[in-house]
Amino acid sequence: MIYMLNQSLKKQNGFTLIELAIFIIVLTVFVVIGVKWPGKSPQLGGQEDQLVSDIKYIQQIAITRHKRFGIVFYPTKYGFYDFIANPVPHPASMSSSNIINLESGITLSTINLPANPFFSGSNGVLLFDRFGIPYYYNTGTSTWDLLASTGVVILTVEGESRNIAITQETGMVATS
């Protein structure tokens, strides 16, 4: 009788309780590693995605309207403007605001995108011409010049940072 019971148990297909427990433990370890992996701040990642989209958006506005449009970067926000500094509303703004506030704790800085004295407190300005080519404000000559090298916008939170690069001549936007 015991022999027959043993044989019938061996013929059953499926997993034992121990196999199932091991699978759940391994799966839990992978999930925890994936969620808490250093350098994967969802807050920073979301803000990076939005800023990349917004840079591409203002570039497309410049191309489709055949005028210069730009973004002014501040330490905790950024805004859209046309060439003569008129605010341009953000498409997702319910109040027709041109200013986008960064999420709490995130700061913004720039490299090769100098500030324009017209925008008090800004730390960088990026302008696109009607062909989508990026320009910067040259404070030495008080003129808008083509980017001489790649412009970089840096988002930082709690020691982690993300770089958004704007390529000179083409205006291609990439993250690193």
Protein backbone atom coordinates (compact mmCIF):
# COMPACT_ATOMS: atom_id res chain seq x y z
CA MET A 1 0.00 0.00 0.00
CA ILE A 2 2.76 2.47 0.92
CA TYR A 3 4.64 1.41 -2.17
CA MET A 4 1.64 2.25 -4.38
CA LEU A 5 1.18 5.62 -2.66
CA ASN A 6 4.85 6.41 -3.19
CA GLN A 7 4.63 5.48 -6.87
CA SER A 8 1.53 7.63 -7.40
CA LEU A 9 3.24 10.63 -5.75
CA LYS A 10 6.28 10.24 -8.00
CA LYS A 11 4.11 10.27 -11.11
CA GLN A 12 2.42 13.58 -10.24
CA ASN A 13 3.52 16.54 -12.31
CA GLY A 14 4.08 19.93 -10.68
CA PHE A 15 6.26 21.61 -8.11
CA THR A 16 6.89 20.69 -4.52
CA LEU A 17 6.38 23.22 -1.77
CA ILE A 18 10.16 23.60 -1.35
CA GLU A 19 10.66 24.33 -5.07
CA LEU A 20 7.90 26.91 -4.98
CA ALA A 21 9.39 28.58 -1.88
CA ILE A 22 12.84 28.78 -3.50
CA PHE A 23 11.35 30.33 -6.65
CA ILE A 24 9.53 32.99 -4.60
CA ILE A 25 12.70 33.83 -2.65
CA VAL A 26 14.78 34.19 -5.83
CA LEU A 27 12.10 36.31 -7.49
CA THR A 28 11.90 38.55 -4.40
CA VAL A 29 15.67 39.07 -4.43
CA PHE A 30 15.57 40.16 -8.10
CA VAL A 31 12.71 42.57 -7.46
CA VAL A 32 14.45 44.16 -4.46
CA ILE A 33 17.71 44.56 -6.38
CA GLY A 34 15.89 46.09 -9.36
CA VAL A 35 13.91 48.57 -7.28
CA LYS A 36 16.64 49.69 -4.89
CA TRP A 37 19.61 49.62 -7.24
CA PRO A 38 21.85 52.67 -6.77
CA GLY A 39 21.52 55.21 -9.55
CA LYS A 40 17.92 54.44 -10.39
CA SER A 41 16.03 57.25 -8.73
CA PRO A 42 12.53 57.21 -10.22
CA GLN A 43 12.07 60.85 -9.23
CA LEU A 44 15.21 61.91 -11.11
CA GLY A 45 14.47 59.62 -14.05
CA GLY A 46 11.00 61.09 -14.50
CA GLN A 47 12.30 64.65 -14.34
CA GLU A 48 15.04 63.77 -16.85
CA ASP A 49 12.47 62.33 -19.28
CA GLN A 50 10.29 65.43 -18.96
CA LEU A 51 13.19 67.82 -19.53
CA VAL A 52 14.42 65.90 -22.59
CA SER A 53 10.89 66.03 -24.02
CA ASP A 54 10.60 69.74 -23.24
CA ILE A 55 13.93 70.56 -24.93
CA LYS A 56 12.81 68.65 -28.03
CA TYR A 57 9.41 70.38 -27.85
CA ILE A 58 10.86 73.90 -27.84
CA GLN A 59 13.19 72.90 -30.68
CA GLN A 60 10.20 71.72 -32.72
CA ILE A 61 8.33 74.94 -31.95
CA ALA A 62 11.29 76.92 -33.33
CA ILE A 63 11.32 74.81 -36.50
CA THR A 64 7.57 74.87 -37.14
CA ARG A 65 7.12 78.58 -36.42
CA HIS A 66 10.35 79.60 -38.20
CA LYS A 67 11.47 81.74 -35.26
CA ARG A 68 13.92 81.48 -32.40
CA PHE A 69 12.64 79.92 -29.18
CA GLY A 70 14.50 78.91 -26.08
CA ILE A 71 14.63 77.56 -22.57
CA VAL A 72 15.94 79.48 -19.59
CA PHE A 73 17.35 77.26 -16.84
CA TYR A 74 17.20 78.20 -13.16
CA PRO A 75 18.48 76.14 -10.20
CA THR A 76 15.03 74.66 -9.42
CA LYS A 77 12.95 75.37 -12.53
CA TYR A 78 13.04 76.21 -16.23
CA GLY A 79 10.90 78.23 -18.58
CA PHE A 80 10.04 78.63 -22.27
CA TYR A 81 10.50 81.94 -24.11
CA ASP A 82 10.54 83.28 -27.63
CA PHE A 83 13.47 85.29 -29.01
CA ILE A 84 12.26 88.58 -27.54
CA ALA A 85 11.68 87.06 -24.10
CA ASN A 86 7.91 86.62 -24.33
CA PRO A 87 6.77 83.64 -22.25
CA VAL A 88 5.66 80.58 -24.23
CA PRO A 89 3.14 78.38 -22.35
CA HIS A 90 4.09 74.80 -21.60
CA PRO A 91 1.68 72.43 -23.40
CA ALA A 92 0.92 70.44 -20.23
CA SER A 93 0.30 73.49 -18.07
CA MET A 94 -3.31 74.00 -17.00
CA SER A 95 -2.65 77.64 -16.17
CA SER A 96 -0.82 78.53 -19.41
CA SER A 97 2.38 78.95 -17.40
CA ASN A 98 5.73 78.87 -19.14
CA ILE A 99 7.60 77.84 -15.97
CA ILE A 100 8.17 74.20 -15.02
CA ASN A 101 9.20 73.64 -11.40
CA LEU A 102 11.50 70.71 -10.74
CA GLU A 103 10.41 68.05 -8.28
CA SER A 104 11.38 68.65 -4.67
CA GLY A 105 15.09 68.20 -3.98
CA ILE A 106 16.18 68.21 -7.63
CA THR A 107 18.55 70.96 -8.75
CA LEU A 108 19.63 71.99 -12.22
CA SER A 109 22.95 73.30 -13.53
CA THR A 110 24.43 73.79 -17.00
CA ILE A 111 27.75 73.48 -18.83
CA ASN A 112 28.49 75.50 -22.00
CA LEU A 113 25.11 77.24 -21.73
CA PRO A 114 25.91 80.56 -20.04
CA ALA A 115 23.27 82.63 -18.30
CA ASN A 116 21.73 85.65 -19.96
CA PRO A 117 21.79 88.76 -17.73
CA PHE A 118 18.26 89.58 -18.94
CA PHE A 119 16.97 86.56 -16.98
CA SER A 120 17.98 87.37 -13.42
CA GLY A 121 18.99 84.32 -11.39
CA SER A 122 19.23 82.01 -14.38
CA ASN A 123 22.15 79.64 -14.71
CA GLY A 124 21.88 78.93 -18.42
CA VAL A 125 19.96 79.73 -21.60
CA LEU A 126 19.50 77.51 -24.66
CA LEU A 127 18.03 78.96 -27.85
CA PHE A 128 17.04 77.17 -31.07
CA ASP A 129 16.83 78.90 -34.44
CA ARG A 130 14.26 78.15 -37.16
CA PHE A 131 16.35 75.17 -38.30
CA GLY A 132 16.56 73.66 -34.80
CA ILE A 133 20.23 74.62 -34.40
CA PRO A 134 21.21 75.47 -30.81
CA TYR A 135 22.62 78.85 -29.76
CA TYR A 136 23.84 80.32 -26.48
CA TYR A 137 24.10 83.87 -25.19
CA ASN A 138 27.68 85.10 -25.38
CA THR A 139 28.03 87.50 -22.47
CA GLY A 140 31.38 88.83 -23.77
CA THR A 141 29.95 90.08 -27.06
CA SER A 142 26.28 90.33 -26.01
CA THR A 143 25.28 88.25 -29.04
CA TRP A 144 23.66 84.88 -29.67
CA ASP A 145 26.32 82.48 -31.00
CA LEU A 146 26.24 78.88 -32.21
CA LEU A 147 27.18 76.39 -29.53
CA ALA A 148 30.94 75.88 -29.80
CA SER A 149 30.75 72.57 -27.94
CA THR A 150 28.08 70.28 -26.57
CA GLY A 151 25.80 72.02 -24.06
CA VAL A 152 24.95 70.00 -20.97
CA VAL A 153 22.09 70.29 -18.51
CA ILE A 154 22.71 68.45 -15.23
CA LEU A 155 19.92 67.32 -12.92
CA THR A 156 21.01 66.36 -9.40
CA VAL A 157 19.28 64.87 -6.36
CA GLU A 158 20.91 63.39 -3.23
CA GLY A 159 24.33 63.00 -4.88
CA GLU A 160 22.95 61.30 -7.98
CA SER A 161 23.01 63.19 -11.28
CA ARG A 162 21.80 62.82 -14.84
CA ASN A 163 23.27 64.66 -17.82
CA ILE A 164 21.33 65.82 -20.85
CA ALA A 165 23.57 66.77 -23.77
CA ILE A 166 22.58 69.09 -26.61
CA THR A 167 24.90 68.60 -29.58
CA GLN A 168 26.25 71.69 -31.30
CA GLU A 169 25.25 72.17 -34.98
CA THR A 170 22.49 69.52 -34.93
CA GLY A 171 20.67 70.14 -31.66
CA MET A 172 20.37 66.41 -31.03
CA VAL A 173 19.39 65.71 -27.42
CA ALA A 174 20.84 62.69 -25.61
CA THR A 175 21.07 61.48 -22.02
CA SER A 176 23.98 59.92 -20.19
